[in-house]
Protein backbone atom coordinates (compact mmCIF):
# COMPACT_ATOMS: atom_id res chain seq x y z
CA UNK A 1 -66.22 -94.46 -57.07
CA UNK A 2 -63.36 -95.01 -54.64
CA UNK A 3 -60.68 -94.12 -57.32
CA UNK A 4 -62.59 -90.83 -58.09
CA UNK A 5 -62.44 -89.73 -54.46
CA UNK A 6 -58.79 -90.51 -54.18
CA UNK A 7 -58.10 -88.62 -57.31
CA UNK A 8 -60.15 -85.61 -56.04
CA UNK A 9 -58.37 -85.71 -52.63
CA UNK A 10 -54.97 -85.79 -54.21
CA UNK A 11 -55.91 -82.95 -56.61
CA UNK A 12 -57.10 -80.98 -53.50
CA UNK A 13 -53.92 -81.56 -51.68
CA UNK A 14 -51.70 -80.77 -54.71
CA UNK A 15 -53.85 -77.44 -55.15
CA UNK A 16 -53.37 -76.50 -51.47
CA UNK A 17 -49.62 -77.13 -51.69
CA UNK A 18 -49.48 -75.02 -54.82
CA UNK A 19 -51.40 -72.17 -53.08
CA UNK A 20 -49.19 -72.33 -50.06
CA UNK A 21 -46.12 -72.10 -52.33
CA UNK A 22 -47.65 -69.16 -54.01
CA UNK A 23 -48.37 -67.49 -50.87
CA UNK A 24 -44.92 -67.94 -49.41
CA UNK A 25 -43.33 -66.51 -52.54
CA UNK A 26 -45.63 -63.60 -52.27
CA UNK A 27 -44.86 -62.86 -48.76
CA UNK A 28 -41.26 -63.23 -49.37
CA UNK A 29 -41.41 -60.32 -51.97
CA UNK A 30 -43.30 -57.96 -49.90
CA UNK A 31 -41.06 -55.17 -47.91
CA UNK A 32 -40.14 -55.83 -44.35
CA UNK A 33 -41.30 -52.33 -43.19
CA UNK A 34 -44.93 -53.03 -44.26
CA UNK A 35 -45.00 -56.08 -42.17
CA UNK A 36 -43.77 -54.49 -39.10
CA UNK A 37 -45.36 -50.91 -39.21
CA UNK A 38 -48.58 -51.74 -37.37
CA UNK A 39 -50.70 -48.98 -36.00
CA UNK A 40 -49.76 -48.32 -32.33
CA UNK A 41 -52.27 -48.94 -29.78
CA UNK A 42 -52.98 -46.08 -27.52
CA UNK A 43 -53.10 -46.48 -23.78
CA UNK A 44 -55.71 -44.29 -22.08
CA UNK A 45 -54.08 -41.81 -19.53
CA UNK A 46 -55.43 -41.71 -16.11
CA UNK A 47 -57.60 -38.74 -15.27
CA UNK A 48 -55.74 -35.49 -13.65
CA UNK A 49 -57.27 -33.72 -10.96
CA UNK A 50 -55.79 -30.23 -10.66
CA UNK A 51 -54.72 -29.02 -7.04
CA UNK A 52 -54.10 -25.69 -5.74
CA UNK A 53 -50.41 -24.68 -5.73
CA UNK A 54 -48.87 -24.67 -2.26
CA UNK A 55 -46.94 -21.60 -1.62
CA UNK A 56 -43.19 -22.14 -1.07
CA UNK A 57 -40.87 -20.00 1.02
CA UNK A 58 -38.42 -18.08 -1.12
CA UNK A 59 -34.86 -19.55 -0.78
CA UNK A 60 -32.09 -16.97 -1.33
CA UNK A 61 -28.97 -18.70 -2.39
CA UNK A 62 -25.82 -16.63 -1.33
CA UNK A 63 -23.26 -16.30 -4.13
CA UNK A 64 -20.32 -18.41 -3.37
CA UNK A 65 -17.02 -16.43 -3.37
CA UNK A 66 -14.79 -17.36 -6.10
CA UNK A 67 -11.15 -17.63 -5.48
CA UNK A 68 -9.02 -16.24 -8.28
CA UNK A 69 -6.32 -18.81 -8.81
CA UNK A 70 -2.79 -17.38 -8.28
CA UNK A 71 -0.94 -16.95 -11.60
CA UNK A 72 1.53 -19.94 -11.96
CA UNK A 73 5.11 -19.04 -11.22
CA UNK A 74 6.94 -17.83 -14.19
CA UNK A 75 10.02 -19.64 -14.93
CA UNK A 76 13.18 -17.59 -15.76
CA UNK A 77 13.97 -17.73 -19.53
CA UNK A 78 16.49 -20.37 -20.40
CA UNK A 79 19.60 -18.56 -21.37
CA UNK A 80 20.35 -19.40 -24.97
CA UNK A 81 24.02 -20.44 -25.32
CA UNK A 82 26.00 -18.31 -27.46
CA UNK A 83 27.01 -19.98 -30.60
CA UNK A 84 30.35 -19.08 -32.05
CA UNK A 85 30.62 -19.70 -35.66
CA UNK A 86 33.24 -22.30 -36.32
CA UNK A 87 34.66 -20.50 -39.20
CA UNK A 88 35.33 -17.22 -37.28
CA UNK A 89 38.70 -17.49 -35.69
CA UNK A 90 38.78 -16.79 -31.92
CA UNK A 91 41.32 -14.12 -31.07
CA UNK A 92 44.01 -15.28 -28.56
CA UNK A 93 44.09 -13.46 -25.35
CA UNK A 94 46.82 -10.81 -25.41
CA UNK A 95 49.15 -10.56 -22.33
CA UNK A 96 48.40 -7.36 -20.33
CA UNK A 97 50.98 -5.57 -18.48
CA UNK A 98 50.84 -6.09 -14.89
CA UNK A 99 50.92 -2.76 -13.04
CA UNK A 100 53.98 -2.27 -10.99
CA UNK A 101 53.45 -0.99 -7.55
CA UNK A 102 55.23 2.28 -6.84
CA UNK A 103 58.45 2.02 -4.93
CA UNK A 104 58.01 2.21 -1.23
CA UNK A 105 58.12 5.68 0.09
CA UNK A 106 60.56 6.48 2.73
CA UNK A 107 59.03 6.49 6.19
CA UNK A 108 58.52 9.88 7.54
CA UNK A 109 61.29 11.19 9.56
CA UNK A 110 60.72 10.87 13.29
CA UNK A 111 59.34 13.94 14.79
CA UNK A 112 61.98 15.55 16.98
CA UNK A 113 61.29 15.13 20.68
CA UNK A 114 59.34 17.95 22.09
CA UNK A 115 61.46 20.62 23.54
CA UNK A 116 61.42 21.09 27.29
CA UNK A 117 58.95 23.64 28.44
CA UNK A 118 60.53 26.97 29.21
CA UNK A 119 61.25 27.68 32.72
CA UNK A 120 58.55 29.54 34.49
CA UNK A 121 58.99 33.27 34.31
CA UNK A 122 60.54 34.87 37.34
CA UNK A 123 57.83 36.30 39.57
CA UNK A 124 57.28 39.92 39.45
CA UNK A 125 59.57 41.68 41.92
CA UNK A 126 57.68 43.47 44.62
CA UNK A 127 58.14 47.11 44.88
CA UNK A 128 58.57 49.15 48.00
CA UNK A 129 55.35 50.67 49.50
CA UNK A 130 55.70 52.84 52.54
CA UNK A 131 59.43 52.05 52.68
CA UNK A 132 58.73 48.31 52.96
CA UNK A 133 59.20 45.43 50.35
CA UNK A 134 56.92 42.65 51.26
CA UNK A 135 56.31 39.13 49.59
CA UNK A 136 55.17 35.75 50.32
CA UNK A 137 56.24 32.32 48.87
CA UNK A 138 54.96 28.81 49.24
CA UNK A 139 56.66 26.95 51.94
CA UNK A 140 56.20 23.41 50.64
CA UNK A 141 57.32 24.38 47.08
CA UNK A 142 53.75 23.69 45.45
CA UNK A 143 50.67 25.53 44.64
CA UNK A 144 48.00 22.78 44.49
CA UNK A 145 46.14 21.82 47.54
CA UNK A 146 42.88 20.07 48.66
CA UNK A 147 39.79 21.69 49.90
CA UNK A 148 40.18 22.43 53.60
CA UNK A 149 44.04 21.80 53.33
CA UNK A 150 46.10 24.57 54.97
CA UNK A 151 48.33 26.46 52.59
CA UNK A 152 51.51 27.52 54.33
CA UNK A 153 53.61 30.41 53.07
CA UNK A 154 56.77 32.30 54.20
CA UNK A 155 56.26 36.03 54.78
CA UNK A 156 59.09 38.50 54.24
CA UNK A 157 58.90 42.25 54.90
CA UNK A 158 62.17 44.28 54.40
CA UNK A 159 62.52 47.71 55.63
CA UNK A 160 64.32 49.84 52.92
CA UNK A 161 64.07 53.13 54.89
CA UNK A 162 66.69 54.48 57.18
CA UNK A 163 64.44 54.56 60.30
CA UNK A 164 62.40 52.13 62.36
CA UNK A 165 59.19 50.98 60.60
CA UNK A 166 56.40 50.23 63.04
CA UNK A 167 53.13 48.43 61.96
CA UNK A 168 49.78 47.51 63.73
CA UNK A 169 48.78 44.38 61.89
CA UNK A 170 50.36 42.17 59.49
CA UNK A 171 48.70 39.13 57.83
CA UNK A 172 47.24 37.23 54.82
CA UNK A 173 44.46 38.39 52.49
CA UNK A 174 42.82 35.65 50.43
CA UNK A 175 40.55 36.21 47.47
CA UNK A 176 37.78 34.94 49.48
CA UNK A 177 37.99 38.07 51.56
CA UNK A 178 38.44 36.60 55.10
CA UNK A 179 41.67 38.34 56.34
CA UNK A 180 43.91 36.31 58.74
CA UNK A 181 46.17 38.24 61.12
CA UNK A 182 49.68 36.82 61.47
CA UNK A 183 51.25 39.34 63.64
CA UNK A 184 50.39 42.65 65.42
CA UNK A 185 52.18 45.69 67.11
CA UNK A 186 55.50 44.89 65.54
CA UNK A 187 58.51 46.90 64.26
CA UNK A 188 61.04 46.44 61.45
CA UNK A 189 64.50 48.10 61.94
CA UNK A 190 66.12 49.83 59.04
CA UNK A 191 67.72 47.43 56.40
CA UNK A 192 66.28 44.52 58.25
CA UNK A 193 63.60 41.83 57.12
CA UNK A 194 60.73 40.64 59.20
CA UNK A 195 60.31 36.91 58.56
CA UNK A 196 57.36 34.71 59.60
CA UNK A 197 55.44 31.45 58.52
CA UNK A 198 51.55 31.17 58.48
CA UNK A 199 48.86 29.48 56.56
CA UNK A 200 45.19 29.36 55.75
CA UNK A 201 42.73 26.87 54.22
CA UNK A 202 40.32 27.36 51.25
CA UNK A 203 36.80 25.81 51.45
CA UNK A 204 35.99 25.73 47.79
CA UNK A 205 37.75 24.18 44.77
CA UNK A 206 39.17 26.43 42.05
CA UNK A 207 42.02 28.92 41.52
CA UNK A 208 42.48 31.35 44.43
CA UNK A 209 44.55 34.32 45.14
CA UNK A 210 46.58 35.39 48.25
CA UNK A 211 48.58 38.50 49.21
CA UNK A 212 50.51 39.78 52.15
CA UNK A 213 48.88 42.82 53.75
CA UNK A 214 50.30 45.33 56.30
CA UNK A 215 48.69 48.15 58.20
CA UNK A 216 51.22 50.90 59.12
CA UNK A 217 48.97 52.37 61.71
CA UNK A 218 48.34 51.52 65.26
CA UNK A 219 46.38 48.39 65.91
CA UNK A 220 43.27 50.39 66.94
CA UNK A 221 43.51 52.64 63.85
CA UNK A 222 43.89 49.51 61.70
CA UNK A 223 40.51 48.25 62.83
CA UNK A 224 38.86 51.51 61.81
CA UNK A 225 38.34 53.32 58.50
CA UNK A 226 41.49 55.35 58.87
CA UNK A 227 44.05 52.63 58.95
CA UNK A 228 47.02 52.91 56.43
CA UNK A 229 46.67 49.43 54.73
CA UNK A 230 48.95 48.30 51.97
CA UNK A 231 48.49 45.04 49.94
CA UNK A 232 51.63 43.78 48.35
CA UNK A 233 51.61 42.62 44.82
CA UNK A 234 51.83 40.31 42.86
CA UNK A 235 50.67 37.82 45.45
CA UNK A 236 50.31 34.06 44.93
CA UNK A 237 47.98 31.83 42.72
CA UNK A 238 46.61 28.76 44.68
CA UNK A 239 44.87 25.78 42.98
CA UNK A 240 42.41 24.01 45.21
CA UNK A 241 41.18 20.53 44.03
């Protein structure tokens, strides 16, 4: 009986080993995806309670100014060096003629020295009036004076008649019009010259004139409208500075 039990136990063990071997071989032949694609388990989501939307203030976003990037500085083009073919002969520089400067011109002849100014014309000779030739000349030999400076002259009155020549007033008449008496109640013998020196001053600058004037009437008549007055030409030009 014991032997039968052992034989059964051994056969059972052998059968289990054979089954296990067959099961391992069957599992090794099955595809791997079938073993891993198990149905996913779903997790229940929590319940959602809807809430009223909260109004939000509108936010205005100002556009940000965009700066236009400055264009990159342009580089000047690189000059391409001129390539001279090696087979083209370069002409040799030819000698140019150097311009010859013109010969120096002769210096201009020196201008002749200015001729001496001609001598002043002789003053006009006075003519006889009422039988008398009268004239005045500058005593100091000049005709330029300052304002207020006294201009001295020599007075000459020559009687060219045959008789005595009386006069009431003799003096100087300037272009300013203010007569100055040099002598009164005088006489000039025939063929003789009355000489005297006198002067007057001018109060304004400029060119003035001065004459010798004689009245061949009595002094009383010379002071009235009936006096016989004679003004002798040409007179003198006086420059007052």
